[in-house]
PDB file of N, CA and C in Angstrom:
ATOM      1  N   MET A   1     -19.514  19.204  31.703  1.00  0.00           N
ATOM      2  CA  MET A   1     -19.659  18.015  32.296  1.00  0.00           C
ATOM      3  C   MET A   1     -20.988  17.706  33.107  1.00  0.00           C
ATOM      4  N   PRO A   2     -21.919  16.758  32.786  1.00  0.00           N
ATOM      5  CA  PRO A   2     -23.321  16.678  33.103  1.00  0.00           C
ATOM      6  C   PRO A   2     -23.291  16.118  34.643  1.00  0.00           C
ATOM      7  N   LYS A   3     -24.251  16.607  35.376  1.00  0.00           N
ATOM      8  CA  LYS A   3     -24.539  16.314  36.661  1.00  0.00           C
ATOM      9  C   LYS A   3     -24.868  14.907  36.772  1.00  0.00           C
ATOM     10  N   PRO A   4     -24.584  14.264  37.833  1.00  0.00           N
ATOM     11  CA  PRO A   4     -24.915  12.770  37.918  1.00  0.00           C
ATOM     12  C   PRO A   4     -26.523  12.719  38.170  1.00  0.00           C
ATOM     13  N   ASN A   5     -26.903  11.687  37.636  1.00  0.00           N
ATOM     14  CA  ASN A   5     -28.567  11.525  37.900  1.00  0.00           C
ATOM     15  C   ASN A   5     -28.570  10.727  39.281  1.00  0.00           C
ATOM     16  N   THR A   6     -29.020  11.416  40.304  1.00  0.00           N
ATOM     17  CA  THR A   6     -29.104  11.010  41.696  1.00  0.00           C
ATOM     18  C   THR A   6     -30.501   9.940  41.686  1.00  0.00           C
ATOM     19  N   LYS A   7     -31.470   9.890  40.910  1.00  0.00           N
ATOM     20  CA  LYS A   7     -32.332   9.146  40.882  1.00  0.00           C
ATOM     21  C   LYS A   7     -32.032   7.723  40.532  1.00  0.00           C
ATOM     22  N   VAL A   8     -31.139   7.768  39.376  1.00  0.00           N
ATOM     23  CA  VAL A   8     -30.494   6.457  38.993  1.00  0.00           C
ATOM     24  C   VAL A   8     -29.581   5.971  40.275  1.00  0.00           C
ATOM     25  N   ALA A   9     -28.855   6.540  40.869  1.00  0.00           N
ATOM     26  CA  ALA A   9     -27.725   6.326  41.846  1.00  0.00           C
ATOM     27  C   ALA A   9     -28.502   5.949  42.816  1.00  0.00           C
ATOM     28  N   MET A  10     -29.656   6.463  43.182  1.00  0.00           N
ATOM     29  CA  MET A  10     -30.588   5.747  44.429  1.00  0.00           C
ATOM     30  C   MET A  10     -31.192   4.569  44.151  1.00  0.00           C
ATOM     31  N   GLN A  11     -31.565   4.254  42.975  1.00  0.00           N
ATOM     32  CA  GLN A  11     -32.346   2.929  42.402  1.00  0.00           C
ATOM     33  C   GLN A  11     -31.181   1.852  42.550  1.00  0.00           C
ATOM     34  N   ASP A  12     -29.938   2.347  42.092  1.00  0.00           N
ATOM     35  CA  ASP A  12     -28.739   1.311  42.272  1.00  0.00           C
ATOM     36  C   ASP A  12     -28.258   0.950  43.503  1.00  0.00           C
ATOM     37  N   MET A  13     -28.321   2.000  44.323  1.00  0.00           N
ATOM     38  CA  MET A  13     -28.101   1.712  45.967  1.00  0.00           C
ATOM     39  C   MET A  13     -29.237   0.951  46.433  1.00  0.00           C
ATOM     40  N   ILE A  14     -30.452   1.206  46.173  1.00  0.00           N
ATOM     41  CA  ILE A  14     -31.472   0.193  46.745  1.00  0.00           C
ATOM     42  C   ILE A  14     -31.284  -1.263  46.261  1.00  0.00           C
ATOM     43  N   SER A  15     -31.027  -1.247  45.107  1.00  0.00           N
ATOM     44  CA  SER A  15     -30.847  -2.806  44.416  1.00  0.00           C
ATOM     45  C   SER A  15     -29.688  -3.365  45.190  1.00  0.00           C
ATOM     46  N   LEU A  16     -28.700  -2.779  45.540  1.00  0.00           N
ATOM     47  CA  LEU A  16     -27.601  -3.404  46.216  1.00  0.00           C
ATOM     48  C   LEU A  16     -27.745  -3.634  47.482  1.00  0.00           C
ATOM     49  N   ILE A  17     -28.702  -2.859  48.359  1.00  0.00           N
ATOM     50  CA  ILE A  17     -28.860  -2.888  49.731  1.00  0.00           C
ATOM     51  C   ILE A  17     -29.925  -4.215  49.800  1.00  0.00           C
ATOM     52  N   LYS A  18     -30.964  -4.312  48.874  1.00  0.00           N
ATOM     53  CA  LYS A  18     -31.524  -5.439  48.732  1.00  0.00           C
ATOM     54  C   LYS A  18     -31.177  -6.671  48.730  1.00  0.00           C
ATOM     55  N   ASP A  19     -29.857  -6.564  47.822  1.00  0.00           N
ATOM     56  CA  ASP A  19     -29.111  -7.799  47.643  1.00  0.00           C
ATOM     57  C   ASP A  19     -28.398  -8.385  48.541  1.00  0.00           C
ATOM     58  N   SER A  20     -27.871  -7.319  49.498  1.00  0.00           N
ATOM     59  CA  SER A  20     -26.970  -7.645  50.586  1.00  0.00           C
ATOM     60  C   SER A  20     -27.777  -7.972  52.058  1.00  0.00           C
ATOM     61  N   ILE A  21     -28.755  -7.459  52.275  1.00  0.00           N
ATOM     62  CA  ILE A  21     -29.713  -7.416  53.329  1.00  0.00           C
ATOM     63  C   ILE A  21     -30.764  -8.362  53.412  1.00  0.00           C
ATOM     64  N   PRO A  22     -30.884  -9.237  54.328  1.00  0.00           N
ATOM     65  CA  PRO A  22     -32.102 -10.303  54.241  1.00  0.00           C
ATOM     66  C   PRO A  22     -33.251  -9.578  54.990  1.00  0.00           C
ATOM     67  N   PHE A  23     -34.207  -9.007  54.253  1.00  0.00           N
ATOM     68  CA  PHE A  23     -35.206  -8.430  54.506  1.00  0.00           C
ATOM     69  C   PHE A  23     -36.291  -9.337  54.815  1.00  0.00           C
ATOM     70  N   HIS A  24     -36.242 -10.675  54.609  1.00  0.00           N
ATOM     71  CA  HIS A  24     -37.177 -11.746  54.907  1.00  0.00           C
ATOM     72  C   HIS A  24     -37.165 -12.466  56.353  1.00  0.00           C
ATOM     73  N   LEU A  25     -36.261 -12.079  56.994  1.00  0.00           N
ATOM     74  CA  LEU A  25     -36.101 -12.594  58.717  1.00  0.00           C
ATOM     75  C   LEU A  25     -37.333 -12.460  59.154  1.00  0.00           C
ATOM     76  N   ASP A  26     -37.739 -13.376  60.008  1.00  0.00           N
ATOM     77  CA  ASP A  26     -38.934 -13.456  60.890  1.00  0.00           C
ATOM     78  C   ASP A  26     -38.369 -12.971  62.394  1.00  0.00           C
ATOM     79  N   GLU A  27     -39.337 -12.348  63.131  1.00  0.00           N
ATOM     80  CA  GLU A  27     -38.922 -12.040  64.393  1.00  0.00           C
ATOM     81  C   GLU A  27     -38.052 -13.145  65.207  1.00  0.00           C
ATOM     82  N   ALA A  28     -38.798 -14.482  65.115  1.00  0.00           N
ATOM     83  CA  ALA A  28     -38.034 -15.522  65.863  1.00  0.00           C
ATOM     84  C   ALA A  28     -36.488 -15.536  65.523  1.00  0.00           C
ATOM     85  N   GLN A  29     -36.247 -15.461  64.382  1.00  0.00           N
ATOM     86  CA  GLN A  29     -34.659 -15.431  63.615  1.00  0.00           C
ATOM     87  C   GLN A  29     -34.076 -14.336  64.412  1.00  0.00           C
ATOM     88  N   MET A  30     -34.515 -13.131  64.542  1.00  0.00           N
ATOM     89  CA  MET A  30     -33.851 -11.792  64.764  1.00  0.00           C
ATOM     90  C   MET A  30     -33.762 -11.781  66.340  1.00  0.00           C
ATOM     91  N   CYS A  31     -34.659 -12.221  67.011  1.00  0.00           N
ATOM     92  CA  CYS A  31     -35.031 -12.106  68.442  1.00  0.00           C
ATOM     93  C   CYS A  31     -34.513 -13.087  69.135  1.00  0.00           C
ATOM     94  N   GLN A  32     -33.218 -14.030  68.974  1.00  0.00           N
ATOM     95  CA  GLN A  32     -32.983 -15.089  69.687  1.00  0.00           C
ATOM     96  C   GLN A  32     -31.491 -14.900  70.452  1.00  0.00           C
ATOM     97  N   GLY A  33     -31.346 -15.215  71.404  1.00  0.00           N
ATOM     98  CA  GLY A  33     -30.085 -15.223  72.182  1.00  0.00           C
ATOM     99  C   GLY A  33     -29.724 -13.801  72.538  1.00  0.00           C
ATOM    100  N   GLU A  34     -28.445 -13.491  72.692  1.00  0.00           N
ATOM    101  CA  GLU A  34     -27.742 -12.021  73.112  1.00  0.00           C
ATOM    102  C   GLU A  34     -28.333 -11.149  71.906  1.00  0.00           C
ATOM    103  N   CYS A  35     -28.749  -9.870  72.037  1.00  0.00           N
ATOM    104  CA  CYS A  35     -28.818  -8.931  70.979  1.00  0.00           C
ATOM    105  C   CYS A  35     -27.784  -7.684  71.276  1.00  0.00           C
ATOM    106  N   LEU A  36     -27.207  -7.484  70.104  1.00  0.00           N
ATOM    107  CA  LEU A  36     -26.320  -6.392  70.135  1.00  0.00           C
ATOM    108  C   LEU A  36     -26.401  -5.354  69.128  1.00  0.00           C
ATOM    109  N   GLY A  37     -27.689  -4.708  69.500  1.00  0.00           N
ATOM    110  CA  GLY A  37     -28.298  -3.775  68.646  1.00  0.00           C
ATOM    111  C   GLY A  37     -29.660  -4.438  68.203  1.00  0.00           C
ATOM    112  N   CYS A  38     -30.585  -3.451  67.784  1.00  0.00           N
ATOM    113  CA  CYS A  38     -31.927  -4.141  67.564  1.00  0.00           C
ATOM    114  C   CYS A  38     -32.023  -4.329  65.854  1.00  0.00           C
ATOM    115  N   SER A  39     -31.793  -5.791  65.527  1.00  0.00           N
ATOM    116  CA  SER A  39     -31.978  -5.999  64.274  1.00  0.00           C
ATOM    117  C   SER A  39     -33.323  -5.580  63.512  1.00  0.00           C
ATOM    118  N   LYS A  40     -34.339  -5.786  64.337  1.00  0.00           N
ATOM    119  CA  LYS A  40     -35.744  -5.680  63.861  1.00  0.00           C
ATOM    120  C   LYS A  40     -36.182  -4.274  63.702  1.00  0.00           C
ATOM    121  N   LYS A  41     -35.558  -3.418  64.558  1.00  0.00           N
ATOM    122  CA  LYS A  41     -35.909  -2.020  64.354  1.00  0.00           C
ATOM    123  C   LYS A  41     -35.139  -1.367  62.990  1.00  0.00           C
ATOM    124  N   MET A  42     -33.811  -1.638  62.881  1.00  0.00           N
ATOM    125  CA  MET A  42     -33.103  -1.382  62.127  1.00  0.00           C
ATOM    126  C   MET A  42     -33.693  -1.762  60.610  1.00  0.00           C
ATOM    127  N   LEU A  43     -33.834  -2.931  60.555  1.00  0.00           N
ATOM    128  CA  LEU A  43     -34.555  -3.387  59.233  1.00  0.00           C
ATOM    129  C   LEU A  43     -35.947  -2.726  58.691  1.00  0.00           C
ATOM    130  N   GLU A  44     -36.709  -2.444  60.003  1.00  0.00           N
ATOM    131  CA  GLU A  44     -37.953  -1.898  59.727  1.00  0.00           C
ATOM    132  C   GLU A  44     -37.722  -0.286  59.201  1.00  0.00           C
ATOM    133  N   MET A  45     -36.887   0.332  59.901  1.00  0.00           N
ATOM    134  CA  MET A  45     -36.157   1.786  59.358  1.00  0.00           C
ATOM    135  C   MET A  45     -35.692   1.749  58.131  1.00  0.00           C
ATOM    136  N   LEU A  46     -34.979   0.800  57.537  1.00  0.00           N
ATOM    137  CA  LEU A  46     -34.455   0.853  56.529  1.00  0.00           C
ATOM    138  C   LEU A  46     -35.279   0.552  55.373  1.00  0.00           C
ATOM    139  N   ASP A  47     -36.369  -0.501  55.705  1.00  0.00           N
ATOM    140  CA  ASP A  47     -37.346  -0.871  54.774  1.00  0.00           C
ATOM    141  C   ASP A  47     -38.158   0.436  54.353  1.00  0.00           C
ATOM    142  N   ALA A  48     -38.565   1.004  55.482  1.00  0.00           N
ATOM    143  CA  ALA A  48     -39.364   2.201  55.186  1.00  0.00           C
ATOM    144  C   ALA A  48     -38.479   3.319  54.667  1.00  0.00           C
ATOM    145  N   GLU A  49     -37.255   3.622  54.618  1.00  0.00           N
ATOM    146  CA  GLU A  49     -36.441   4.439  53.988  1.00  0.00           C
ATOM    147  C   GLU A  49     -36.541   4.137  52.501  1.00  0.00           C
ATOM    148  N   ILE A  50     -36.221   2.923  52.228  1.00  0.00           N
ATOM    149  CA  ILE A  50     -36.235   2.376  50.739  1.00  0.00           C
ATOM    150  C   ILE A  50     -37.805   2.526  50.022  1.00  0.00           C
ATOM    151  N   SER A  51     -38.590   2.067  50.847  1.00  0.00           N
ATOM    152  CA  SER A  51     -39.985   2.250  50.315  1.00  0.00           C
ATOM    153  C   SER A  51     -40.272   3.800  49.923  1.00  0.00           C
ATOM    154  N   TYR A  52     -39.939   4.698  50.787  1.00  0.00           N
ATOM    155  CA  TYR A  52     -39.932   6.106  50.416  1.00  0.00           C
ATOM    156  C   TYR A  52     -39.478   6.301  49.143  1.00  0.00           C
ATOM    157  N   TRP A  53     -38.071   5.994  48.994  1.00  0.00           N
ATOM    158  CA  TRP A  53     -37.483   6.366  47.804  1.00  0.00           C
ATOM    159  C   TRP A  53     -37.805   5.767  46.537  1.00  0.00           C
ATOM    160  N   GLN A  54     -38.206   4.650  46.644  1.00  0.00           N
ATOM    161  CA  GLN A  54     -38.706   3.800  45.656  1.00  0.00           C
ATOM    162  C   GLN A  54     -39.955   4.575  44.886  1.00  0.00           C
ATOM    163  N   TYR A  55     -40.843   5.246  45.825  1.00  0.00           N
ATOM    164  CA  TYR A  55     -42.319   5.789  45.321  1.00  0.00           C
ATOM    165  C   TYR A  55     -42.119   7.355  45.234  1.00  0.00           C
ATOM    166  N   SER A  56     -41.074   8.038  45.773  1.00  0.00           N
ATOM    167  CA  SER A  56     -40.764   9.223  45.897  1.00  0.00           C
ATOM    168  C   SER A  56     -40.776   9.951  44.370  1.00  0.00           C
ATOM    169  N   GLU A  57     -41.296  10.753  44.278  1.00  0.00           N
ATOM    170  CA  GLU A  57     -41.333  11.617  42.953  1.00  0.00           C
ATOM    171  C   GLU A  57     -40.367  12.834  43.038  1.00  0.00           C
ATOM    172  N   PHE A  58     -39.947  13.023  44.091  1.00  0.00           N
ATOM    173  CA  PHE A  58     -38.696  14.125  44.398  1.00  0.00           C
ATOM    174  C   PHE A  58     -37.470  13.400  44.059  1.00  0.00           C
ATOM    175  N   PRO A  59     -36.603  14.085  43.086  1.00  0.00           N
ATOM    176  CA  PRO A  59     -35.305  13.465  43.037  1.00  0.00           C
ATOM    177  C   PRO A  59     -34.409  13.681  44.511  1.00  0.00           C
ATOM    178  N   PRO A  60     -33.590  12.571  44.659  1.00  0.00           N
ATOM    179  CA  PRO A  60     -32.847  12.580  45.882  1.00  0.00           C
ATOM    180  C   PRO A  60     -31.830  13.267  45.772  1.00  0.00           C
ATOM    181  N   SER A  61     -31.300  14.002  46.795  1.00  0.00           N
ATOM    182  CA  SER A  61     -29.915  14.716  46.863  1.00  0.00           C
ATOM    183  C   SER A  61     -28.769  13.840  47.064  1.00  0.00           C
ATOM    184  N   LEU A  62     -27.387  14.435  46.973  1.00  0.00           N
ATOM    185  CA  LEU A  62     -26.323  13.646  47.442  1.00  0.00           C
ATOM    186  C   LEU A  62     -26.657  13.193  48.940  1.00  0.00           C
ATOM    187  N   LYS A  63     -26.853  14.232  49.772  1.00  0.00           N
ATOM    188  CA  LYS A  63     -27.084  13.976  51.013  1.00  0.00           C
ATOM    189  C   LYS A  63     -28.044  12.950  51.301  1.00  0.00           C
ATOM    190  N   ASP A  64     -29.071  12.733  50.420  1.00  0.00           N
ATOM    191  CA  ASP A  64     -30.012  11.572  50.674  1.00  0.00           C
ATOM    192  C   ASP A  64     -29.397  10.181  50.377  1.00  0.00           C
ATOM    193  N   LEU A  65     -28.716  10.417  49.306  1.00  0.00           N
ATOM    194  CA  LEU A  65     -27.802   9.023  49.089  1.00  0.00           C
ATOM    195  C   LEU A  65     -26.912   8.756  50.163  1.00  0.00           C
ATOM    196  N   LYS A  66     -26.130   9.545  50.714  1.00  0.00           N
ATOM    197  CA  LYS A  66     -25.197   9.444  51.741  1.00  0.00           C
ATOM    198  C   LYS A  66     -25.858   8.969  52.898  1.00  0.00           C
ATOM    199  N   ASN A  67     -27.049   9.424  53.328  1.00  0.00           N
ATOM    200  CA  ASN A  67     -28.090   9.048  54.421  1.00  0.00           C
ATOM    201  C   ASN A  67     -28.301   7.663  54.225  1.00  0.00           C
ATOM    202  N   LEU A  68     -28.660   7.054  53.121  1.00  0.00           N
ATOM    203  CA  LEU A  68     -29.417   5.800  52.777  1.00  0.00           C
ATOM    204  C   LEU A  68     -28.041   4.880  52.985  1.00  0.00           C
ATOM    205  N   GLU A  69     -26.979   5.349  52.344  1.00  0.00           N
ATOM    206  CA  GLU A  69     -25.888   4.264  52.250  1.00  0.00           C
ATOM    207  C   GLU A  69     -25.410   4.194  54.113  1.00  0.00           C
ATOM    208  N   LYS A  70     -25.419   5.177  54.750  1.00  0.00           N
ATOM    209  CA  LYS A  70     -25.081   4.860  56.063  1.00  0.00           C
ATOM    210  C   LYS A  70     -26.001   4.053  56.785  1.00  0.00           C
ATOM    211  N   MET A  71     -27.423   4.486  56.629  1.00  0.00           N
ATOM    212  CA  MET A  71     -28.433   3.218  57.351  1.00  0.00           C
ATOM    213  C   MET A  71     -28.262   1.940  56.886  1.00  0.00           C
ATOM    214  N   GLY A  72     -27.961   1.598  55.417  1.00  0.00           N
ATOM    215  CA  GLY A  72     -27.564   0.216  55.043  1.00  0.00           C
ATOM    216  C   GLY A  72     -26.492  -0.363  55.672  1.00  0.00           C
ATOM    217  N   VAL A  73     -25.155   0.528  55.756  1.00  0.00           N
ATOM    218  CA  VAL A  73     -24.210  -0.224  56.489  1.00  0.00           C
ATOM    219  C   VAL A  73     -24.288  -0.383  57.781  1.00  0.00           C
ATOM    220  N   ARG A  74     -24.941   0.628  58.450  1.00  0.00           N
ATOM    221  CA  ARG A  74     -25.155   0.315  59.863  1.00  0.00           C
ATOM    222  C   ARG A  74     -26.009  -0.845  60.070  1.00  0.00           C
ATOM    223  N   THR A  75     -27.311  -0.982  59.370  1.00  0.00           N
ATOM    224  CA  THR A  75     -28.093  -2.072  59.479  1.00  0.00           C
ATOM    225  C   THR A  75     -27.366  -3.323  59.093  1.00  0.00           C
ATOM    226  N   TYR A  76     -26.398  -3.515  58.078  1.00  0.00           N
ATOM    227  CA  TYR A  76     -25.556  -4.768  57.906  1.00  0.00           C
ATOM    228  C   TYR A  76     -24.677  -4.925  59.082  1.00  0.00           C
ATOM    229  N   LYS A  77     -23.876  -3.904  59.667  1.00  0.00           N
ATOM    230  CA  LYS A  77     -23.260  -4.110  60.811  1.00  0.00           C
ATOM    231  C   LYS A  77     -23.936  -4.819  61.868  1.00  0.00           C
ATOM    232  N   ILE A  78     -25.060  -4.358  62.327  1.00  0.00           N
ATOM    233  CA  ILE A  78     -26.049  -4.864  63.362  1.00  0.00           C
ATOM    234  C   ILE A  78     -26.238  -6.243  63.398  1.00  0.00           C
ATOM    235  N   LEU A  79     -26.903  -6.746  62.010  1.00  0.00           N
ATOM    236  CA  LEU A  79     -27.132  -7.875  61.660  1.00  0.00           C
ATOM    237  C   LEU A  79     -25.949  -8.933  61.674  1.00  0.00           C
ATOM    238  N   LYS A  80     -24.739  -8.446  61.292  1.00  0.00           N
ATOM    239  CA  LYS A  80     -23.443  -9.148  61.476  1.00  0.00           C
ATOM    240  C   LYS A  80     -23.090  -9.348  62.769  1.00  0.00           C
ATOM    241  N   ARG A  81     -23.066  -8.436  63.648  1.00  0.00           N
ATOM    242  CA  ARG A  81     -23.042  -8.539  65.138  1.00  0.00           C
ATOM    243  C   ARG A  81     -23.992  -9.762  65.698  1.00  0.00           C
ATOM    244  N   ASN A  82     -25.150  -9.815  65.168  1.00  0.00           N
ATOM    245  CA  ASN A  82     -26.083 -10.601  65.728  1.00  0.00           C
ATOM    246  C   ASN A  82     -26.094 -11.805  65.009  1.00  0.00           C
ATOM    247  N   ARG A  83     -24.990 -12.005  64.204  1.00  0.00           N
ATOM    248  CA  ARG A  83     -24.841 -13.404  63.411  1.00  0.00           C
ATOM    249  C   ARG A  83     -26.056 -13.700  62.477  1.00  0.00           C
ATOM    250  N   LEU A  84     -26.662 -12.714  61.814  1.00  0.00           N
ATOM    251  CA  LEU A  84     -27.826 -12.802  60.955  1.00  0.00           C
ATOM    252  C   LEU A  84     -27.237 -12.796  59.401  1.00  0.00           C
ATOM    253  N   VAL A  85     -26.202 -12.309  59.319  1.00  0.00           N
ATOM    254  CA  VAL A  85     -25.447 -12.474  57.887  1.00  0.00           C
ATOM    255  C   VAL A  85     -24.163 -13.001  58.134  1.00  0.00           C
ATOM    256  N   PRO A  86     -23.657 -13.533  57.124  1.00  0.00           N
ATOM    257  CA  PRO A  86     -22.080 -13.931  56.901  1.00  0.00           C
ATOM    258  C   PRO A  86     -21.099 -13.019  57.168  1.00  0.00           C
TER     259      PRO A  86
END
């Protein structure tokens, strides 16, 4: 049985994250009212991680895929808590 291609899996995950998380929010939208976790910092960290993997020449490991998944889920939960996503 062939090994799964982690590069393709990473690109698929990046597409899913970009479709699910609004990276276009400006600071005024993110930093209004009560803050339950810093949406701005999480979006910045997630964006940096995605940028790294989009341009990396190294194939990601399964651990890298899992870490990006966790960061994406955590970011989405914080955005949801702060009422920035439905």
